C-alpha atoms as a PDB file:
ATOM      1  CA  MET A   1    -118.045  39.678 -56.985  1.00  0.00           C
ATOM      2  CA  VAL A   2    -118.652  36.289 -58.590  1.00  0.00           C
ATOM      3  CA  GLY A   3    -119.954  33.324 -56.657  1.00  0.00           C
ATOM      4  CA  ASN A   4    -116.580  31.544 -56.391  1.00  0.00           C
ATOM      5  CA  GLU A   5    -114.988  34.615 -54.855  1.00  0.00           C
ATOM      6  CA  VAL A   6    -117.806  34.914 -52.321  1.00  0.00           C
ATOM      7  CA  ALA A   7    -117.500  31.231 -51.439  1.00  0.00           C
ATOM      8  CA  GLU A   8    -113.730  31.565 -51.008  1.00  0.00           C
ATOM      9  CA  ARG A   9    -114.210  34.512 -48.692  1.00  0.00           C
ATOM     10  CA  MET A  10    -116.743  32.548 -46.645  1.00  0.00           C
ATOM     11  CA  GLN A  11    -114.375  29.598 -46.332  1.00  0.00           C
ATOM     12  CA  THR A  12    -111.621  31.830 -44.925  1.00  0.00           C
ATOM     13  CA  LYS A  13    -113.929  33.428 -42.361  1.00  0.00           C
ATOM     14  CA  ALA A  14    -112.069  31.910 -39.431  1.00  0.00           C
ATOM     15  CA  VAL A  15    -109.038  34.092 -40.125  1.00  0.00           C
ATOM     16  CA  ASN A  16    -111.007  37.145 -41.197  1.00  0.00           C
ATOM     17  CA  GLU A  17    -112.165  39.062 -38.143  1.00  0.00           C
ATOM     18  CA  SER A  18    -114.405  41.304 -40.230  1.00  0.00           C
ATOM     19  CA  TRP A  19    -116.483  38.385 -41.544  1.00  0.00           C
ATOM     20  CA  SER A  20    -120.157  38.447 -40.616  1.00  0.00           C
ATOM     21  CA  PRO A  21    -122.939  35.896 -41.139  1.00  0.00           C
ATOM     22  CA  ALA A  22    -124.597  38.674 -43.155  1.00  0.00           C
ATOM     23  CA  ALA A  23    -122.353  37.497 -46.015  1.00  0.00           C
ATOM     24  CA  LEU A  24    -124.478  34.338 -46.206  1.00  0.00           C
ATOM     25  CA  LEU A  25    -127.771  36.145 -46.802  1.00  0.00           C
ATOM     26  CA  ASP A  26    -129.406  37.682 -49.863  1.00  0.00           C
ATOM     27  CA  LEU A  27    -129.906  41.039 -48.170  1.00  0.00           C
ATOM     28  CA  GLU A  28    -131.205  42.697 -51.326  1.00  0.00           C
ATOM     29  CA  ARG A  29    -134.141  40.313 -51.412  1.00  0.00           C
ATOM     30  CA  TYR A  30    -134.458  40.012 -47.622  1.00  0.00           C
ATOM     31  CA  PRO A  31    -133.277  43.256 -45.956  1.00  0.00           C
ATOM     32  CA  ILE A  32    -133.365  42.080 -42.344  1.00  0.00           C
ATOM     33  CA  LEU A  33    -130.796  44.414 -40.770  1.00  0.00           C
ATOM     34  CA  ASP A  34    -132.748  47.654 -40.394  1.00  0.00           C
ATOM     35  CA  LEU A  35    -135.799  46.713 -38.358  1.00  0.00           C
ATOM     36  CA  SER A  36    -137.055  50.305 -38.381  1.00  0.00           C
ATOM     37  CA  GLY A  37    -136.768  50.646 -42.162  1.00  0.00           C
ATOM     38  CA  ASP A  38    -139.726  50.423 -44.512  1.00  0.00           C
ATOM     39  CA  ALA A  39    -138.315  47.453 -46.458  1.00  0.00           C
ATOM     40  CA  THR A  40    -137.729  45.383 -43.335  1.00  0.00           C
ATOM     41  CA  ARG A  41    -141.123  46.294 -41.904  1.00  0.00           C
ATOM     42  CA  ALA A  42    -142.747  45.132 -45.139  1.00  0.00           C
ATOM     43  CA  LEU A  43    -140.790  41.874 -44.924  1.00  0.00           C
ATOM     44  CA  THR A  44    -141.814  41.195 -41.325  1.00  0.00           C
ATOM     45  CA  ARG A  45    -145.452  41.908 -42.277  1.00  0.00           C
ATOM     46  CA  HIS A  46    -145.118  39.392 -45.107  1.00  0.00           C
ATOM     47  CA  CYS A  47    -143.764  36.819 -42.642  1.00  0.00           C
ATOM     48  CA  ARG A  48    -146.592  37.415 -40.177  1.00  0.00           C
ATOM     49  CA  GLU A  49    -149.219  37.135 -42.923  1.00  0.00           C
ATOM     50  CA  GLN A  50    -147.826  33.714 -43.874  1.00  0.00           C
ATOM     51  CA  LEU A  51    -147.741  32.640 -40.244  1.00  0.00           C
ATOM     52  CA  ASP A  52    -151.318  33.789 -39.646  1.00  0.00           C
ATOM     53  CA  ARG A  53    -152.540  32.090 -42.818  1.00  0.00           C
ATOM     54  CA  THR A  54    -150.735  28.741 -42.703  1.00  0.00           C
ATOM     55  CA  GLY A  55    -148.837  28.547 -39.417  1.00  0.00           C
ATOM     56  CA  ALA A  56    -145.505  28.607 -41.257  1.00  0.00           C
ATOM     57  CA  CYS A  57    -143.340  31.141 -43.060  1.00  0.00           C
ATOM     58  CA  GLU A  58    -141.062  30.190 -45.951  1.00  0.00           C
ATOM     59  CA  LEU A  59    -138.355  32.492 -47.330  1.00  0.00           C
ATOM     60  CA  PRO A  60    -136.999  30.925 -50.539  1.00  0.00           C
ATOM     61  CA  GLY A  61    -133.509  32.091 -51.422  1.00  0.00           C
ATOM     62  CA  PHE A  62    -132.890  33.559 -47.960  1.00  0.00           C
ATOM     63  CA  LEU A  63    -129.344  32.231 -48.205  1.00  0.00           C
ATOM     64  CA  LYS A  64    -127.216  32.934 -51.267  1.00  0.00           C
ATOM     65  CA  PRO A  65    -126.654  29.888 -53.526  1.00  0.00           C
ATOM     66  CA  GLU A  66    -122.950  29.849 -52.731  1.00  0.00           C
ATOM     67  CA  ALA A  67    -123.774  30.011 -49.021  1.00  0.00           C
ATOM     68  CA  VAL A  68    -126.089  27.018 -49.358  1.00  0.00           C
ATOM     69  CA  ALA A  69    -123.355  25.091 -51.160  1.00  0.00           C
ATOM     70  CA  MET A  70    -120.923  25.921 -48.358  1.00  0.00           C
ATOM     71  CA  LEU A  71    -123.391  24.840 -45.657  1.00  0.00           C
ATOM     72  CA  VAL A  72    -123.950  21.568 -47.496  1.00  0.00           C
ATOM     73  CA  ARG A  73    -120.198  20.931 -47.495  1.00  0.00           C
ATOM     74  CA  GLU A  74    -120.060  21.835 -43.808  1.00  0.00           C
ATOM     75  CA  GLY A  75    -122.981  19.527 -43.084  1.00  0.00           C
ATOM     76  CA  ASP A  76    -121.297  16.687 -44.943  1.00  0.00           C
ATOM     77  CA  SER A  77    -118.148  17.188 -42.871  1.00  0.00           C
ATOM     78  CA  LEU A  78    -120.173  17.091 -39.627  1.00  0.00           C
ATOM     79  CA  ALA A  79    -122.438  14.177 -40.569  1.00  0.00           C
ATOM     80  CA  ALA A  80    -120.102  11.564 -39.108  1.00  0.00           C
ATOM     81  CA  ARG A  81    -120.655  13.144 -35.660  1.00  0.00           C
ATOM     82  CA  ALA A  82    -124.403  12.475 -35.790  1.00  0.00           C
ATOM     83  CA  TYR A  83    -126.037  10.318 -33.153  1.00  0.00           C
ATOM     84  CA  HIS A  84    -128.522   7.964 -34.843  1.00  0.00           C
ATOM     85  CA  SER A  85    -131.541   6.601 -33.044  1.00  0.00           C
ATOM     86  CA  VAL A  86    -134.756   4.753 -33.813  1.00  0.00           C
ATOM     87  CA  VAL A  87    -137.807   5.580 -31.711  1.00  0.00           C
ATOM     88  CA  THR A  88    -141.561   5.095 -31.975  1.00  0.00           C
ATOM     89  CA  GLY A  89    -144.073   7.704 -30.883  1.00  0.00           C
ATOM     90  CA  THR A  90    -147.346   9.475 -31.507  1.00  0.00           C
ATOM     91  CA  PRO A  91    -147.777  12.718 -33.498  1.00  0.00           C
ATOM     92  CA  TYR A  92    -148.168  14.506 -30.154  1.00  0.00           C
ATOM     93  CA  LEU A  93    -144.803  13.306 -28.774  1.00  0.00           C
ATOM     94  CA  ALA A  94    -146.477  12.154 -25.578  1.00  0.00           C
ATOM     95  CA  ALA A  95    -147.733   8.966 -24.003  1.00  0.00           C
ATOM     96  CA  PRO A  96    -151.200   8.064 -25.352  1.00  0.00           C
ATOM     97  CA  ASP A  97    -154.290   8.463 -23.220  1.00  0.00           C
ATOM     98  CA  ALA A  98    -155.562   4.950 -22.499  1.00  0.00           C
ATOM     99  CA  SER A  99    -159.141   6.224 -22.207  1.00  0.00           C
ATOM    100  CA  LEU A 100    -159.257   7.273 -25.877  1.00  0.00           C
ATOM    101  CA  PRO A 101    -160.620   5.058 -28.684  1.00  0.00           C
ATOM    102  CA  GLU A 102    -158.087   2.850 -30.443  1.00  0.00           C
ATOM    103  CA  ASP A 103    -158.427   4.813 -33.703  1.00  0.00           C
ATOM    104  CA  HIS A 104    -157.760   8.185 -32.056  1.00  0.00           C
ATOM    105  CA  PRO A 105    -154.706  10.062 -33.499  1.00  0.00           C
ATOM    106  CA  ARG A 106    -153.204  10.259 -30.002  1.00  0.00           C
ATOM    107  CA  LYS A 107    -152.867   6.464 -30.075  1.00  0.00           C
ATOM    108  CA  PHE A 108    -151.339   6.221 -33.538  1.00  0.00           C
ATOM    109  CA  PHE A 109    -147.669   5.186 -33.390  1.00  0.00           C
ATOM    110  CA  GLU A 110    -145.054   5.684 -36.102  1.00  0.00           C
ATOM    111  CA  PRO A 111    -141.297   5.137 -36.140  1.00  0.00           C
ATOM    112  CA  THR A 112    -138.674   7.845 -36.472  1.00  0.00           C
ATOM    113  CA  SER A 113    -135.144   7.056 -37.591  1.00  0.00           C
ATOM    114  CA  VAL A 114    -132.813  10.033 -37.868  1.00  0.00           C
ATOM    115  CA  GLY A 115    -129.311  11.170 -37.005  1.00  0.00           C
ATOM    116  CA  VAL A 116    -128.640  14.426 -35.155  1.00  0.00           C
ATOM    117  CA  VAL A 117    -125.475  16.476 -34.778  1.00  0.00           C
ATOM    118  CA  ALA A 118    -125.819  18.298 -31.454  1.00  0.00           C
ATOM    119  CA  TYR A 119    -124.918  21.929 -30.742  1.00  0.00           C
ATOM    120  CA  ASP A 120    -121.779  21.011 -28.811  1.00  0.00           C
ATOM    121  CA  GLN A 121    -120.438  19.185 -31.882  1.00  0.00           C
ATOM    122  CA  PHE A 122    -120.358  22.325 -34.046  1.00  0.00           C
ATOM    123  CA  PRO A 123    -116.902  23.985 -34.151  1.00  0.00           C
ATOM    124  CA  GLN A 124    -116.708  27.605 -33.035  1.00  0.00           C
ATOM    125  CA  ASP A 125    -115.952  28.721 -36.601  1.00  0.00           C
ATOM    126  CA  SER A 126    -118.875  26.760 -38.080  1.00  0.00           C
ATOM    127  CA  ALA A 127    -120.949  28.955 -40.384  1.00  0.00           C
ATOM    128  CA  MET A 128    -124.141  27.277 -39.155  1.00  0.00           C
ATOM    129  CA  ARG A 129    -123.188  27.972 -35.558  1.00  0.00           C
ATOM    130  CA  GLN A 130    -122.216  31.577 -36.250  1.00  0.00           C
ATOM    131  CA  LEU A 131    -125.489  32.171 -38.076  1.00  0.00           C
ATOM    132  CA  PHE A 132    -127.444  30.715 -35.131  1.00  0.00           C
ATOM    133  CA  GLU A 133    -125.488  32.886 -32.668  1.00  0.00           C
ATOM    134  CA  TRP A 134    -125.832  36.046 -34.774  1.00  0.00           C
ATOM    135  CA  ASN A 135    -128.024  38.573 -32.953  1.00  0.00           C
ATOM    136  CA  PRO A 136    -129.426  40.374 -36.043  1.00  0.00           C
ATOM    137  CA  LEU A 137    -131.010  37.124 -37.233  1.00  0.00           C
ATOM    138  CA  MET A 138    -132.603  36.501 -33.827  1.00  0.00           C
ATOM    139  CA  GLU A 139    -133.868  40.100 -33.733  1.00  0.00           C
ATOM    140  CA  PHE A 140    -135.417  39.719 -37.189  1.00  0.00           C
ATOM    141  CA  ILE A 141    -137.136  36.471 -36.161  1.00  0.00           C
ATOM    142  CA  ALA A 142    -138.488  38.227 -33.066  1.00  0.00           C
ATOM    143  CA  ALA A 143    -139.932  41.008 -35.235  1.00  0.00           C
ATOM    144  CA  ALA A 144    -141.489  38.487 -37.623  1.00  0.00           C
ATOM    145  CA  LEU A 145    -143.128  36.735 -34.653  1.00  0.00           C
ATOM    146  CA  LYS A 146    -144.305  40.035 -33.128  1.00  0.00           C
ATOM    147  CA  LYS A 147    -142.150  39.449 -30.054  1.00  0.00           C
ATOM    148  CA  ASP A 148    -140.408  42.303 -28.289  1.00  0.00           C
ATOM    149  CA  LEU A 149    -137.491  40.103 -27.303  1.00  0.00           C
ATOM    150  CA  LEU A 150    -136.230  36.575 -27.842  1.00  0.00           C
ATOM    151  CA  TYR A 151    -133.581  34.723 -25.883  1.00  0.00           C
ATOM    152  CA  ARG A 152    -131.343  32.189 -27.530  1.00  0.00           C
ATOM    153  CA  TYR A 153    -132.046  28.607 -26.463  1.00  0.00           C
ATOM    154  CA  ALA A 154    -129.525  27.704 -23.753  1.00  0.00           C
ATOM    155  CA  ASP A 155    -129.567  23.910 -24.168  1.00  0.00           C
ATOM    156  CA  PRO A 156    -125.886  23.003 -24.802  1.00  0.00           C
ATOM    157  CA  MET A 157    -126.881  20.121 -27.058  1.00  0.00           C
ATOM    158  CA  GLY A 158    -130.359  20.899 -28.392  1.00  0.00           C
ATOM    159  CA  ALA A 159    -130.140  24.628 -29.136  1.00  0.00           C
ATOM    160  CA  LEU A 160    -128.805  23.991 -32.635  1.00  0.00           C
ATOM    161  CA  ASN A 161    -128.869  20.684 -34.440  1.00  0.00           C
ATOM    162  CA  LEU A 162    -128.202  19.243 -37.855  1.00  0.00           C
ATOM    163  CA  ALA A 163    -130.540  16.481 -39.003  1.00  0.00           C
ATOM    164  CA  VAL A 164    -128.764  13.732 -40.933  1.00  0.00           C
ATOM    165  CA  MET A 165    -130.987  11.275 -42.780  1.00  0.00           C
ATOM    166  CA  GLY A 166    -129.744   8.373 -44.841  1.00  0.00           C
ATOM    167  CA  ASP A 167    -131.474   5.744 -46.927  1.00  0.00           C
ATOM    168  CA  GLY A 168    -134.473   4.302 -45.142  1.00  0.00           C
ATOM    169  CA  GLU A 169    -134.525   6.951 -42.430  1.00  0.00           C
ATOM    170  CA  ARG A 170    -137.546   9.146 -41.796  1.00  0.00           C
ATOM    171  CA  LEU A 171    -138.997  11.688 -39.389  1.00  0.00           C
ATOM    172  CA  HIS A 172    -142.598  10.817 -38.608  1.00  0.00           C
ATOM    173  CA  TRP A 173    -145.427  13.338 -38.680  1.00  0.00           C
ATOM    174  CA  HIS A 174    -145.631  15.253 -35.401  1.00  0.00           C
ATOM    175  CA  PHE A 175    -146.677  18.480 -33.710  1.00  0.00           C
ATOM    176  CA  ASP A 176    -143.726  20.416 -32.355  1.00  0.00           C
ATOM    177  CA  GLN A 177    -143.881  21.159 -28.647  1.00  0.00           C
ATOM    178  CA  THR A 178    -142.098  24.501 -28.886  1.00  0.00           C
ATOM    179  CA  ASP A 179    -143.606  27.913 -29.636  1.00  0.00           C
ATOM    180  CA  PHE A 180    -141.743  28.025 -32.953  1.00  0.00           C
ATOM    181  CA  VAL A 181    -138.907  26.387 -34.892  1.00  0.00           C
ATOM    182  CA  THR A 182    -136.516  28.015 -37.348  1.00  0.00           C
ATOM    183  CA  SER A 183    -135.107  25.633 -39.954  1.00  0.00           C
ATOM    184  CA  ILE A 184    -132.773  25.856 -42.913  1.00  0.00           C
ATOM    185  CA  ARG A 185    -133.179  23.261 -45.635  1.00  0.00           C
ATOM    186  CA  ALA A 186    -129.703  23.126 -47.134  1.00  0.00           C
ATOM    187  CA  ALA A 187    -130.172  20.112 -49.409  1.00  0.00           C
ATOM    188  CA  ALA A 188    -132.937  18.953 -51.707  1.00  0.00           C
ATOM    189  CA  PHE A 189    -134.985  15.907 -50.738  1.00  0.00           C
ATOM    190  CA  GLY A 190    -134.551  12.807 -52.840  1.00  0.00           C
ATOM    191  CA  GLY A 191    -136.197   9.437 -53.234  1.00  0.00           C
ATOM    192  CA  GLY A 192    -139.728  10.768 -52.992  1.00  0.00           C
ATOM    193  CA  ARG A 193    -139.166  12.437 -49.622  1.00  0.00           C
ATOM    194  CA  ARG A 194    -141.130  15.590 -48.854  1.00  0.00           C
ATOM    195  CA  PHE A 195    -141.230  18.098 -46.020  1.00  0.00           C
ATOM    196  CA  ARG A 196    -144.815  19.052 -45.248  1.00  0.00           C
ATOM    197  CA  ILE A 197    -146.383  21.498 -42.798  1.00  0.00           C
ATOM    198  CA  ARG A 198    -150.009  21.629 -41.748  1.00  0.00           C
ATOM    199  CA  PRO A 199    -151.784  24.793 -40.545  1.00  0.00           C
ATOM    200  CA  ALA A 200    -151.878  25.365 -36.813  1.00  0.00           C
ATOM    201  CA  ASP A 201    -155.640  24.811 -36.684  1.00  0.00           C
ATOM    202  CA  SER A 202    -155.193  21.240 -37.964  1.00  0.00           C
ATOM    203  CA  GLN A 203    -154.663  20.013 -34.399  1.00  0.00           C
ATOM    204  CA  ARG A 204    -158.321  19.148 -34.067  1.00  0.00           C
ATOM    205  CA  HIS A 205    -157.759  16.239 -31.693  1.00  0.00           C
ATOM    206  CA  ARG A 206    -155.935  18.162 -28.976  1.00  0.00           C
END
């Protein structure tokens, strides 16, 4: 099946009861469905090795190219629903400790300017939403994290979000306050922007 045919099938998913988010994934390269199978076990080991080494796991090509193109179109259609805000904070996302020296990282402030489409703004037939709510993906992530069981985040607005960044907007360097984050980069960065991750042991000033 050529890419255009796959994309057309994805776009008609709302009227196709047999459609599954599995259609979005390159399951030959990333066989996530059979957690007891040798191929999936090898993949989860690969994920854990990356996590242990760098604190992050990247899976290039996890989504098929036509799926990425569809998610980009979906993101563009949802972008107008984004709530834009400008805030200033520290890398630790907490109030600074007044007893620390002025040059301490916990007292270094930077601005963040970004738009966010909240979970409750995603239509029920959204491919992004259906992928987030798809149990096999959550079960694979649990296996990669060496967790027996994960529960989907219940926040009606924050569980799933789409970051929308325009010219001049930026997300400042910070340490996430959650145990882990799963992200999909659907569009390439432009204008010199980069997405960077530091190893977990880089938090020397905690």
